[in-house]
Amino acid sequence: MSTTTAPQKRVSSPRRRPRAGAEARSGWLFSAPTVIITVAIIVVPIIWNIVLATRDVSFLEIAREGIFAGTFSLQAFVDTITGAGFWRSLWITIVYSVASTAGSILLGLIAALVFRGAFPGRGPLRALMLLPYVAPVVAVAFVWQVMLNPQYGVLNHYLVKLPGISEPIDFLGLAPWALISVIAFEIWRYFPFAFLFLSARVVALPRDIEEASLIDGATPSQNFWHVVLPQLMNTVALLSVLRLIMTFNKFDDVYLLTGGAAGTEVAAVRVYNQLMGSFDIPGAAATAVVLAIVLALFLTGYFSLTSRRDDS
């Protein structure tokens, strides 16, 4: 005679609940510093900018009554979006960011490939390559100002000796030379950043694939375009995003070289000039908010494209 036993209910151990609660508290405790720092340096300034952009307020009113002084108004956003100065500065920022990013990554890639193989003195030379990136920006900007000066600059000293050039060129005071000069400065200053990333990736590339392609009859250029470069594209994409974000928000390099004159008023310099030159607090805040939105849209599009590529 067979007997059936009713399934017994699984009783959870009472010890698991305190352990789960302790793990949850530990998780909150460990993540609290990151959350606090993120809120303090990102969320609060953004909210502060939005509040300032919607208040018709002056410095004295803020000092007396706080950031909620003045009257509520969206006129600053209207003036920013409809103003020709904003769109001109945005276009200059895009040209400056894209050209500087592409140039620094290209120069960093060339340097990484040159330093891939071993040769005498490679270690000291690699350390010397980092000098533009680690040097104080005030010092290197002053050196470039002296070098590009139309009266006593070393570059004009040799340029005027060339046929067809009779007068020195004011590289930092005339358009479009000023924009070209600040782009060249940005490429020179930040190509070591790309060099560090790409050098680490180039060293890790397997040699057997390249050797096999060369044995099969591929030329060195074909080997680079079809074997080496595809393996570096993920690093190049990451560098492009990082450098675009950094350059899009760049202020000190351009301001130290030209002050935003001669067609070099990028968005960050325009915000500073609005705030400190015109004392236009809502206008500067509105410009900063619109720029943050533009950058957020760019990042959203980038992450959308990368997620689709990863899913395919």
C-alpha atoms as a PDB file:
ATOM      1  CA  MET A   1       0.000   0.000   0.000  1.00  0.00           C
ATOM      2  CA  SER A   2       1.561   3.256  -1.131  1.00  0.00           C
ATOM      3  CA  THR A   3       1.268   6.347   0.921  1.00  0.00           C
ATOM      4  CA  THR A   4       1.620   9.880  -0.324  1.00  0.00           C
ATOM      5  CA  THR A   5       2.938  12.652   1.758  1.00  0.00           C
ATOM      6  CA  ALA A   6       1.799  16.199   1.345  1.00  0.00           C
ATOM      7  CA  PRO A   7       4.519  18.594   0.148  1.00  0.00           C
ATOM      8  CA  GLN A   8       5.968  20.462   3.020  1.00  0.00           C
ATOM      9  CA  LYS A   9       6.253  24.200   2.874  1.00  0.00           C
ATOM     10  CA  ARG A  10       9.776  25.530   2.810  1.00  0.00           C
ATOM     11  CA  VAL A  11      10.319  27.590   5.882  1.00  0.00           C
ATOM     12  CA  SER A  12      12.845  30.345   5.427  1.00  0.00           C
ATOM     13  CA  SER A  13      15.440  30.586   8.053  1.00  0.00           C
ATOM     14  CA  PRO A  14      14.929  33.564  10.327  1.00  0.00           C
ATOM     15  CA  ARG A  15      18.641  34.274  10.085  1.00  0.00           C
ATOM     16  CA  ARG A  16      18.432  35.238   6.401  1.00  0.00           C
ATOM     17  CA  ARG A  17      16.368  38.362   6.940  1.00  0.00           C
ATOM     18  CA  PRO A  18      18.861  40.084   9.248  1.00  0.00           C
ATOM     19  CA  ARG A  19      21.673  39.115   6.876  1.00  0.00           C
ATOM     20  CA  ALA A  20      19.788  40.543   3.877  1.00  0.00           C
ATOM     21  CA  GLY A  21      19.086  43.727   5.802  1.00  0.00           C
ATOM     22  CA  ALA A  22      22.734  44.024   6.775  1.00  0.00           C
ATOM     23  CA  GLU A  23      23.812  43.565   3.151  1.00  0.00           C
ATOM     24  CA  ALA A  24      21.341  46.235   2.018  1.00  0.00           C
ATOM     25  CA  ARG A  25      22.613  48.655   4.655  1.00  0.00           C
ATOM     26  CA  SER A  26      26.201  47.900   3.643  1.00  0.00           C
ATOM     27  CA  GLY A  27      25.344  48.572   0.009  1.00  0.00           C
ATOM     28  CA  TRP A  28      23.792  51.932   0.858  1.00  0.00           C
ATOM     29  CA  LEU A  29      26.746  52.759   3.103  1.00  0.00           C
ATOM     30  CA  PHE A  30      29.322  51.983   0.411  1.00  0.00           C
ATOM     31  CA  SER A  31      27.430  53.871  -2.318  1.00  0.00           C
ATOM     32  CA  ALA A  32      26.608  56.892  -0.141  1.00  0.00           C
ATOM     33  CA  PRO A  33      29.942  58.733  -0.747  1.00  0.00           C
ATOM     34  CA  THR A  34      29.553  58.420  -4.531  1.00  0.00           C
ATOM     35  CA  VAL A  35      25.935  59.577  -4.403  1.00  0.00           C
ATOM     36  CA  ILE A  36      26.784  62.524  -2.156  1.00  0.00           C
ATOM     37  CA  ILE A  37      29.707  63.621  -4.359  1.00  0.00           C
ATOM     38  CA  THR A  38      27.613  63.270  -7.534  1.00  0.00           C
ATOM     39  CA  VAL A  39      24.784  65.307  -6.074  1.00  0.00           C
ATOM     40  CA  ALA A  40      27.176  67.948  -4.722  1.00  0.00           C
ATOM     41  CA  ILE A  41      29.252  68.536  -7.863  1.00  0.00           C
ATOM     42  CA  ILE A  42      26.734  67.739 -10.622  1.00  0.00           C
ATOM     43  CA  VAL A  43      23.089  67.858  -9.542  1.00  0.00           C
ATOM     44  CA  VAL A  44      23.258  70.905  -7.270  1.00  0.00           C
ATOM     45  CA  PRO A  45      25.159  73.120  -9.788  1.00  0.00           C
ATOM     46  CA  ILE A  46      22.714  72.159 -12.551  1.00  0.00           C
ATOM     47  CA  ILE A  47      19.725  73.045 -10.380  1.00  0.00           C
ATOM     48  CA  TRP A  48      21.466  76.262  -9.341  1.00  0.00           C
ATOM     49  CA  ASN A  49      22.072  77.185 -12.993  1.00  0.00           C
ATOM     50  CA  ILE A  50      18.439  76.527 -13.883  1.00  0.00           C
ATOM     51  CA  VAL A  51      17.256  78.695 -10.991  1.00  0.00           C
ATOM     52  CA  LEU A  52      19.604  81.536 -11.958  1.00  0.00           C
ATOM     53  CA  ALA A  53      18.544  81.286 -15.606  1.00  0.00           C
ATOM     54  CA  THR A  54      14.915  81.814 -14.630  1.00  0.00           C
ATOM     55  CA  ARG A  55      15.505  84.811 -12.348  1.00  0.00           C
ATOM     56  CA  ASP A  56      15.943  88.409 -13.482  1.00  0.00           C
ATOM     57  CA  VAL A  57      18.525  89.124 -10.813  1.00  0.00           C
ATOM     58  CA  SER A  58      21.778  90.991 -10.198  1.00  0.00           C
ATOM     59  CA  PHE A  59      24.828  90.258  -8.063  1.00  0.00           C
ATOM     60  CA  LEU A  60      23.669  92.649  -5.332  1.00  0.00           C
ATOM     61  CA  GLU A  61      20.225  91.054  -5.166  1.00  0.00           C
ATOM     62  CA  ILE A  62      21.773  87.597  -4.869  1.00  0.00           C
ATOM     63  CA  ALA A  63      24.071  88.805  -2.088  1.00  0.00           C
ATOM     64  CA  ARG A  64      21.159  90.336  -0.175  1.00  0.00           C
ATOM     65  CA  GLU A  65      18.292  87.946  -0.809  1.00  0.00           C
ATOM     66  CA  GLY A  66      19.837  84.723  -2.165  1.00  0.00           C
ATOM     67  CA  ILE A  67      19.469  82.980  -5.510  1.00  0.00           C
ATOM     68  CA  PHE A  68      15.676  83.116  -5.369  1.00  0.00           C
ATOM     69  CA  ALA A  69      15.733  86.909  -5.480  1.00  0.00           C
ATOM     70  CA  GLY A  70      14.281  88.805  -8.404  1.00  0.00           C
ATOM     71  CA  THR A  71      11.340  87.893 -10.605  1.00  0.00           C
ATOM     72  CA  PHE A  72      10.698  84.660 -12.492  1.00  0.00           C
ATOM     73  CA  SER A  73      11.320  84.924 -16.241  1.00  0.00           C
ATOM     74  CA  LEU A  74      12.199  82.688 -19.186  1.00  0.00           C
ATOM     75  CA  GLN A  75      13.439  85.579 -21.283  1.00  0.00           C
ATOM     76  CA  ALA A  76      17.075  84.513 -20.832  1.00  0.00           C
ATOM     77  CA  PHE A  77      16.394  81.202 -22.593  1.00  0.00           C
ATOM     78  CA  VAL A  78      14.551  82.996 -25.403  1.00  0.00           C
ATOM     79  CA  ASP A  79      17.405  85.458 -25.874  1.00  0.00           C
ATOM     80  CA  THR A  80      19.960  82.642 -25.831  1.00  0.00           C
ATOM     81  CA  ILE A  81      18.208  80.458 -28.394  1.00  0.00           C
ATOM     82  CA  THR A  82      17.305  83.325 -30.723  1.00  0.00           C
ATOM     83  CA  GLY A  83      20.591  85.182 -30.388  1.00  0.00           C
ATOM     84  CA  ALA A  84      23.131  84.948 -33.186  1.00  0.00           C
ATOM     85  CA  GLY A  85      26.032  85.109 -30.739  1.00  0.00           C
ATOM     86  CA  PHE A  86      25.084  81.834 -29.093  1.00  0.00           C
ATOM     87  CA  TRP A  87      24.842  79.895 -32.358  1.00  0.00           C
ATOM     88  CA  ARG A  88      28.109  81.395 -33.570  1.00  0.00           C
ATOM     89  CA  SER A  89      29.870  80.355 -30.367  1.00  0.00           C
ATOM     90  CA  LEU A  90      28.269  76.911 -30.584  1.00  0.00           C
ATOM     91  CA  TRP A  91      29.527  76.469 -34.156  1.00  0.00           C
ATOM     92  CA  ILE A  92      33.021  77.597 -33.153  1.00  0.00           C
ATOM     93  CA  THR A  93      32.900  75.149 -30.228  1.00  0.00           C
ATOM     94  CA  ILE A  94      31.919  72.269 -32.515  1.00  0.00           C
ATOM     95  CA  VAL A  95      34.681  73.061 -35.020  1.00  0.00           C
ATOM     96  CA  TYR A  96      37.199  73.508 -32.225  1.00  0.00           C
ATOM     97  CA  SER A  97      36.157  70.296 -30.435  1.00  0.00           C
ATOM     98  CA  VAL A  98      35.985  68.036 -33.499  1.00  0.00           C
ATOM     99  CA  ALA A  99      39.233  69.282 -35.045  1.00  0.00           C
ATOM    100  CA  SER A 100      41.135  69.164 -31.747  1.00  0.00           C
ATOM    101  CA  THR A 101      39.834  65.707 -30.892  1.00  0.00           C
ATOM    102  CA  ALA A 102      40.604  64.254 -34.320  1.00  0.00           C
ATOM    103  CA  GLY A 103      44.050  65.851 -34.433  1.00  0.00           C
ATOM    104  CA  SER A 104      45.072  64.777 -30.922  1.00  0.00           C
ATOM    105  CA  ILE A 105      43.929  61.185 -31.478  1.00  0.00           C
ATOM    106  CA  LEU A 106      45.661  60.994 -34.869  1.00  0.00           C
ATOM    107  CA  LEU A 107      48.920  62.367 -33.463  1.00  0.00           C
ATOM    108  CA  GLY A 108      48.635  60.079 -30.431  1.00  0.00           C
ATOM    109  CA  LEU A 109      48.097  57.072 -32.706  1.00  0.00           C
ATOM    110  CA  ILE A 110      51.150  57.929 -34.792  1.00  0.00           C
ATOM    111  CA  ALA A 111      53.242  58.309 -31.630  1.00  0.00           C
ATOM    112  CA  ALA A 112      51.939  55.006 -30.222  1.00  0.00           C
ATOM    113  CA  LEU A 113      52.866  53.170 -33.430  1.00  0.00           C
ATOM    114  CA  VAL A 114      56.316  54.789 -33.494  1.00  0.00           C
ATOM    115  CA  PHE A 115      57.007  53.769 -29.903  1.00  0.00           C
ATOM    116  CA  ARG A 116      55.619  50.273 -30.368  1.00  0.00           C
ATOM    117  CA  GLY A 117      58.944  48.712 -31.176  1.00  0.00           C
ATOM    118  CA  ALA A 118      61.955  48.732 -28.892  1.00  0.00           C
ATOM    119  CA  PHE A 119      64.815  51.104 -29.639  1.00  0.00           C
ATOM    120  CA  PRO A 120      67.548  52.790 -27.577  1.00  0.00           C
ATOM    121  CA  GLY A 121      66.217  55.592 -25.410  1.00  0.00           C
ATOM    122  CA  ARG A 122      62.545  54.668 -25.804  1.00  0.00           C
ATOM    123  CA  GLY A 123      61.816  55.002 -22.078  1.00  0.00           C
ATOM    124  CA  PRO A 124      63.086  58.592 -21.626  1.00  0.00           C
ATOM    125  CA  LEU A 125      61.502  59.660 -24.904  1.00  0.00           C
ATOM    126  CA  ARG A 126      58.124  58.234 -23.847  1.00  0.00           C
ATOM    127  CA  ALA A 127      58.359  60.159 -20.595  1.00  0.00           C
ATOM    128  CA  LEU A 128      59.253  63.312 -22.539  1.00  0.00           C
ATOM    129  CA  MET A 129      56.153  62.847 -24.699  1.00  0.00           C
ATOM    130  CA  LEU A 130      53.982  63.493 -21.639  1.00  0.00           C
ATOM    131  CA  LEU A 131      55.448  66.941 -21.016  1.00  0.00           C
ATOM    132  CA  PRO A 132      52.745  68.944 -22.874  1.00  0.00           C
ATOM    133  CA  TYR A 133      50.005  67.168 -20.889  1.00  0.00           C
ATOM    134  CA  VAL A 134      51.527  67.483 -17.410  1.00  0.00           C
ATOM    135  CA  ALA A 135      52.980  70.998 -17.766  1.00  0.00           C
ATOM    136  CA  PRO A 136      50.956  73.856 -16.193  1.00  0.00           C
ATOM    137  CA  VAL A 137      48.572  75.337 -18.722  1.00  0.00           C
ATOM    138  CA  VAL A 138      49.545  78.901 -17.784  1.00  0.00           C
ATOM    139  CA  ALA A 139      53.204  78.188 -18.521  1.00  0.00           C
ATOM    140  CA  VAL A 140      52.680  76.475 -21.880  1.00  0.00           C
ATOM    141  CA  ALA A 141      50.110  79.081 -22.983  1.00  0.00           C
ATOM    142  CA  PHE A 142      52.636  81.822 -22.241  1.00  0.00           C
ATOM    143  CA  VAL A 143      55.280  79.975 -24.271  1.00  0.00           C
ATOM    144  CA  TRP A 144      52.907  79.721 -27.227  1.00  0.00           C
ATOM    145  CA  GLN A 145      51.995  83.397 -26.944  1.00  0.00           C
ATOM    146  CA  VAL A 146      55.665  84.334 -27.113  1.00  0.00           C
ATOM    147  CA  MET A 147      56.321  81.894 -29.936  1.00  0.00           C
ATOM    148  CA  LEU A 148      53.402  83.204 -32.045  1.00  0.00           C
ATOM    149  CA  ASN A 149      53.909  86.887 -31.308  1.00  0.00           C
ATOM    150  CA  PRO A 150      53.996  88.944 -34.548  1.00  0.00           C
ATOM    151  CA  GLN A 151      56.813  91.219 -33.305  1.00  0.00           C
ATOM    152  CA  TYR A 152      59.323  88.958 -31.559  1.00  0.00           C
ATOM    153  CA  GLY A 153      57.910  85.441 -32.029  1.00  0.00           C
ATOM    154  CA  VAL A 154      60.297  82.780 -33.236  1.00  0.00           C
ATOM    155  CA  LEU A 155      57.770  81.419 -35.750  1.00  0.00           C
ATOM    156  CA  ASN A 156      57.343  84.754 -37.549  1.00  0.00           C
ATOM    157  CA  HIS A 157      61.110  85.256 -37.451  1.00  0.00           C
ATOM    158  CA  TYR A 158      61.500  82.357 -39.874  1.00  0.00           C
ATOM    159  CA  LEU A 159      58.225  82.796 -41.770  1.00  0.00           C
ATOM    160  CA  VAL A 160      59.110  86.258 -43.065  1.00  0.00           C
ATOM    161  CA  LYS A 161      62.221  84.757 -44.655  1.00  0.00           C
ATOM    162  CA  LEU A 162      60.115  82.510 -46.861  1.00  0.00           C
ATOM    163  CA  PRO A 163      59.170  83.675 -50.369  1.00  0.00           C
ATOM    164  CA  GLY A 164      55.696  85.195 -50.569  1.00  0.00           C
ATOM    165  CA  ILE A 165      55.510  86.220 -46.888  1.00  0.00           C
ATOM    166  CA  SER A 166      56.535  89.841 -46.437  1.00  0.00           C
ATOM    167  CA  GLU A 167      54.852  90.660 -43.130  1.00  0.00           C
ATOM    168  CA  PRO A 168      54.567  88.763 -39.841  1.00  0.00           C
ATOM    169  CA  ILE A 169      51.257  87.035 -39.111  1.00  0.00           C
ATOM    170  CA  ASP A 170      49.281  87.805 -35.973  1.00  0.00           C
ATOM    171  CA  PHE A 171      48.380  84.200 -35.246  1.00  0.00           C
ATOM    172  CA  LEU A 172      46.406  84.998 -32.070  1.00  0.00           C
ATOM    173  CA  GLY A 173      44.771  88.224 -33.200  1.00  0.00           C
ATOM    174  CA  LEU A 174      43.442  87.594 -36.692  1.00  0.00           C
ATOM    175  CA  ALA A 175      40.736  85.259 -37.923  1.00  0.00           C
ATOM    176  CA  PRO A 176      40.983  82.461 -38.962  1.00  0.00           C
ATOM    177  CA  TRP A 177      44.590  82.169 -37.756  1.00  0.00           C
ATOM    178  CA  ALA A 178      43.526  82.521 -34.126  1.00  0.00           C
ATOM    179  CA  LEU A 179      41.143  79.549 -34.291  1.00  0.00           C
ATOM    180  CA  ILE A 180      43.740  77.475 -36.157  1.00  0.00           C
ATOM    181  CA  SER A 181      46.318  78.361 -33.512  1.00  0.00           C
ATOM    182  CA  VAL A 182      44.145  77.380 -30.543  1.00  0.00           C
ATOM    183  CA  ILE A 183      43.246  74.109 -32.293  1.00  0.00           C
ATOM    184  CA  ALA A 184      46.948  73.414 -32.877  1.00  0.00           C
ATOM    185  CA  PHE A 185      47.647  74.211 -29.221  1.00  0.00           C
ATOM    186  CA  GLU A 186      44.898  71.839 -28.097  1.00  0.00           C
ATOM    187  CA  ILE A 187      46.226  69.044 -30.341  1.00  0.00           C
ATOM    188  CA  TRP A 188      49.774  69.524 -29.078  1.00  0.00           C
ATOM    189  CA  ARG A 189      48.738  69.727 -25.432  1.00  0.00           C
ATOM    190  CA  TYR A 190      46.438  66.702 -25.322  1.00  0.00           C
ATOM    191  CA  PHE A 191      47.861  64.209 -27.809  1.00  0.00           C
ATOM    192  CA  PRO A 192      49.796  62.562 -24.907  1.00  0.00           C
ATOM    193  CA  PHE A 193      46.404  61.683 -23.393  1.00  0.00           C
ATOM    194  CA  ALA A 194      45.536  59.704 -26.520  1.00  0.00           C
ATOM    195  CA  PHE A 195      49.089  58.367 -26.666  1.00  0.00           C
ATOM    196  CA  LEU A 196      48.724  56.783 -23.209  1.00  0.00           C
ATOM    197  CA  PHE A 197      45.513  54.970 -24.126  1.00  0.00           C
ATOM    198  CA  LEU A 198      46.582  53.861 -27.584  1.00  0.00           C
ATOM    199  CA  SER A 199      50.099  52.886 -26.551  1.00  0.00           C
ATOM    200  CA  ALA A 200      48.738  50.462 -23.950  1.00  0.00           C
ATOM    201  CA  ARG A 201      46.367  48.945 -26.529  1.00  0.00           C
ATOM    202  CA  VAL A 202      48.987  48.760 -29.301  1.00  0.00           C
ATOM    203  CA  VAL A 203      51.426  46.902 -27.060  1.00  0.00           C
ATOM    204  CA  ALA A 204      48.736  44.327 -26.259  1.00  0.00           C
ATOM    205  CA  LEU A 205      47.961  43.562 -29.930  1.00  0.00           C
ATOM    206  CA  PRO A 206      48.842  39.987 -30.921  1.00  0.00           C
ATOM    207  CA  ARG A 207      51.715  39.899 -33.382  1.00  0.00           C
ATOM    208  CA  ASP A 208      50.823  36.551 -34.957  1.00  0.00           C
ATOM    209  CA  ILE A 209      47.851  37.977 -36.895  1.00  0.00           C
ATOM    210  CA  GLU A 210      49.986  40.729 -38.389  1.00  0.00           C
ATOM    211  CA  GLU A 211      52.775  38.320 -39.241  1.00  0.00           C
ATOM    212  CA  ALA A 212      50.282  36.000 -40.927  1.00  0.00           C
ATOM    213  CA  SER A 213      48.858  38.822 -43.037  1.00  0.00           C
ATOM    214  CA  LEU A 214      52.333  39.933 -44.096  1.00  0.00           C
ATOM    215  CA  ILE A 215      53.236  36.368 -45.027  1.00  0.00           C
ATOM    216  CA  ASP A 216      50.059  36.169 -47.129  1.00  0.00           C
ATOM    217  CA  GLY A 217      51.311  39.141 -49.147  1.00  0.00           C
ATOM    218  CA  ALA A 218      49.679  42.141 -47.457  1.00  0.00           C
ATOM    219  CA  THR A 219      51.571  45.413 -47.682  1.00  0.00           C
ATOM    220  CA  PRO A 220      52.377  47.368 -44.486  1.00  0.00           C
ATOM    221  CA  SER A 221      49.624  49.872 -45.266  1.00  0.00           C
ATOM    222  CA  GLN A 222      47.095  47.090 -45.869  1.00  0.00           C
ATOM    223  CA  ASN A 223      48.232  45.434 -42.674  1.00  0.00           C
ATOM    224  CA  PHE A 224      47.588  48.645 -40.757  1.00  0.00           C
ATOM    225  CA  TRP A 225      44.181  49.451 -42.263  1.00  0.00           C
ATOM    226  CA  HIS A 226      42.733  45.923 -42.179  1.00  0.00           C
ATOM    227  CA  VAL A 227      44.464  44.283 -39.192  1.00  0.00           C
ATOM    228  CA  VAL A 228      45.831  46.836 -36.721  1.00  0.00           C
ATOM    229  CA  LEU A 229      43.310  49.682 -36.958  1.00  0.00           C
ATOM    230  CA  PRO A 230      40.137  47.538 -36.519  1.00  0.00           C
ATOM    231  CA  GLN A 231      41.554  46.264 -33.229  1.00  0.00           C
ATOM    232  CA  LEU A 232      42.045  49.849 -32.032  1.00  0.00           C
ATOM    233  CA  MET A 233      38.604  51.184 -32.941  1.00  0.00           C
ATOM    234  CA  ASN A 234      37.026  50.577 -29.509  1.00  0.00           C
ATOM    235  CA  THR A 235      39.825  52.549 -27.876  1.00  0.00           C
ATOM    236  CA  VAL A 236      39.565  55.273 -30.504  1.00  0.00           C
ATOM    237  CA  ALA A 237      35.790  55.518 -29.943  1.00  0.00           C
ATOM    238  CA  LEU A 238      36.240  55.835 -26.180  1.00  0.00           C
ATOM    239  CA  LEU A 239      38.942  58.464 -26.647  1.00  0.00           C
ATOM    240  CA  SER A 240      36.740  60.395 -29.063  1.00  0.00           C
ATOM    241  CA  VAL A 241      33.910  60.635 -26.542  1.00  0.00           C
ATOM    242  CA  LEU A 242      36.194  61.606 -23.656  1.00  0.00           C
ATOM    243  CA  ARG A 243      38.085  64.215 -25.634  1.00  0.00           C
ATOM    244  CA  LEU A 244      34.919  65.692 -27.185  1.00  0.00           C
ATOM    245  CA  ILE A 245      33.380  66.144 -23.741  1.00  0.00           C
ATOM    246  CA  MET A 246      36.571  67.665 -22.335  1.00  0.00           C
ATOM    247  CA  THR A 247      37.135  69.971 -25.306  1.00  0.00           C
ATOM    248  CA  PHE A 248      33.496  71.011 -25.539  1.00  0.00           C
ATOM    249  CA  ASN A 249      33.745  72.388 -22.004  1.00  0.00           C
ATOM    250  CA  LYS A 250      37.249  73.792 -22.440  1.00  0.00           C
ATOM    251  CA  PHE A 251      37.788  77.304 -21.121  1.00  0.00           C
ATOM    252  CA  ASP A 252      41.298  77.929 -19.815  1.00  0.00           C
ATOM    253  CA  ASP A 253      43.300  77.124 -22.965  1.00  0.00           C
ATOM    254  CA  VAL A 254      41.325  79.422 -25.254  1.00  0.00           C
ATOM    255  CA  TYR A 255      40.949  82.198 -22.700  1.00  0.00           C
ATOM    256  CA  LEU A 256      44.662  82.267 -21.886  1.00  0.00           C
ATOM    257  CA  LEU A 257      45.659  82.365 -25.553  1.00  0.00           C
ATOM    258  CA  THR A 258      43.146  84.767 -27.103  1.00  0.00           C
ATOM    259  CA  GLY A 259      40.526  85.679 -24.500  1.00  0.00           C
ATOM    260  CA  GLY A 260      37.873  84.620 -27.001  1.00  0.00           C
ATOM    261  CA  ALA A 261      38.831  87.295 -29.552  1.00  0.00           C
ATOM    262  CA  ALA A 262      39.334  86.922 -33.321  1.00  0.00           C
ATOM    263  CA  GLY A 263      36.672  84.278 -33.812  1.00  0.00           C
ATOM    264  CA  THR A 264      37.693  82.001 -30.916  1.00  0.00           C
ATOM    265  CA  GLU A 265      34.816  82.662 -28.516  1.00  0.00           C
ATOM    266  CA  VAL A 266      33.900  79.091 -27.696  1.00  0.00           C
ATOM    267  CA  ALA A 267      30.818  78.430 -25.580  1.00  0.00           C
ATOM    268  CA  ALA A 268      32.631  78.275 -22.238  1.00  0.00           C
ATOM    269  CA  VAL A 269      34.377  81.593 -22.907  1.00  0.00           C
ATOM    270  CA  ARG A 270      31.056  83.141 -23.960  1.00  0.00           C
ATOM    271  CA  VAL A 271      29.499  82.116 -20.642  1.00  0.00           C
ATOM    272  CA  TYR A 272      32.393  83.735 -18.788  1.00  0.00           C
ATOM    273  CA  ASN A 273      32.196  86.919 -20.862  1.00  0.00           C
ATOM    274  CA  GLN A 274      28.454  87.167 -20.291  1.00  0.00           C
ATOM    275  CA  LEU A 275      28.880  86.713 -16.555  1.00  0.00           C
ATOM    276  CA  MET A 276      31.990  88.778 -15.835  1.00  0.00           C
ATOM    277  CA  GLY A 277      31.982  91.161 -18.802  1.00  0.00           C
ATOM    278  CA  SER A 278      28.301  92.025 -19.114  1.00  0.00           C
ATOM    279  CA  PHE A 279      27.185  90.947 -15.610  1.00  0.00           C
ATOM    280  CA  ASP A 280      24.360  89.070 -17.316  1.00  0.00           C
ATOM    281  CA  ILE A 281      23.692  86.349 -14.737  1.00  0.00           C
ATOM    282  CA  PRO A 282      20.501  84.853 -16.264  1.00  0.00           C
ATOM    283  CA  GLY A 283      22.001  84.997 -19.774  1.00  0.00           C
ATOM    284  CA  ALA A 284      25.175  83.189 -18.723  1.00  0.00           C
ATOM    285  CA  ALA A 285      23.209  80.592 -16.750  1.00  0.00           C
ATOM    286  CA  ALA A 286      20.793  80.018 -19.635  1.00  0.00           C
ATOM    287  CA  THR A 287      23.681  79.563 -22.052  1.00  0.00           C
ATOM    288  CA  ALA A 288      25.271  77.029 -19.713  1.00  0.00           C
ATOM    289  CA  VAL A 289      21.992  75.096 -19.379  1.00  0.00           C
ATOM    290  CA  VAL A 290      21.442  74.998 -23.153  1.00  0.00           C
ATOM    291  CA  LEU A 291      25.015  73.790 -23.666  1.00  0.00           C
ATOM    292  CA  ALA A 292      24.470  71.050 -21.075  1.00  0.00           C
ATOM    293  CA  ILE A 293      21.348  69.957 -22.963  1.00  0.00           C
ATOM    294  CA  VAL A 294      23.265  69.884 -26.268  1.00  0.00           C
ATOM    295  CA  LEU A 295      26.010  67.793 -24.707  1.00  0.00           C
ATOM    296  CA  ALA A 296      23.443  65.457 -23.104  1.00  0.00           C
ATOM    297  CA  LEU A 297      21.764  64.935 -26.492  1.00  0.00           C
ATOM    298  CA  PHE A 298      25.125  64.123 -28.050  1.00  0.00           C
ATOM    299  CA  LEU A 299      25.902  61.569 -25.342  1.00  0.00           C
ATOM    300  CA  THR A 300      22.434  60.031 -25.648  1.00  0.00           C
ATOM    301  CA  GLY A 301      22.931  59.602 -29.388  1.00  0.00           C
ATOM    302  CA  TYR A 302      26.375  58.103 -28.891  1.00  0.00           C
ATOM    303  CA  PHE A 303      25.224  55.574 -26.304  1.00  0.00           C
ATOM    304  CA  SER A 304      22.221  54.700 -28.463  1.00  0.00           C
ATOM    305  CA  LEU A 305      24.473  53.959 -31.433  1.00  0.00           C
ATOM    306  CA  THR A 306      26.920  51.914 -29.356  1.00  0.00           C
ATOM    307  CA  SER A 307      24.121  49.875 -27.750  1.00  0.00           C
ATOM    308  CA  ARG A 308      22.653  49.072 -31.168  1.00  0.00           C
ATOM    309  CA  ARG A 309      26.067  48.009 -32.416  1.00  0.00           C
ATOM    310  CA  ASP A 310      26.585  45.772 -29.397  1.00  0.00           C
ATOM    311  CA  ASP A 311      23.144  44.181 -29.804  1.00  0.00           C
ATOM    312  CA  SER A 312      23.648  43.471 -33.526  1.00  0.00           C
END
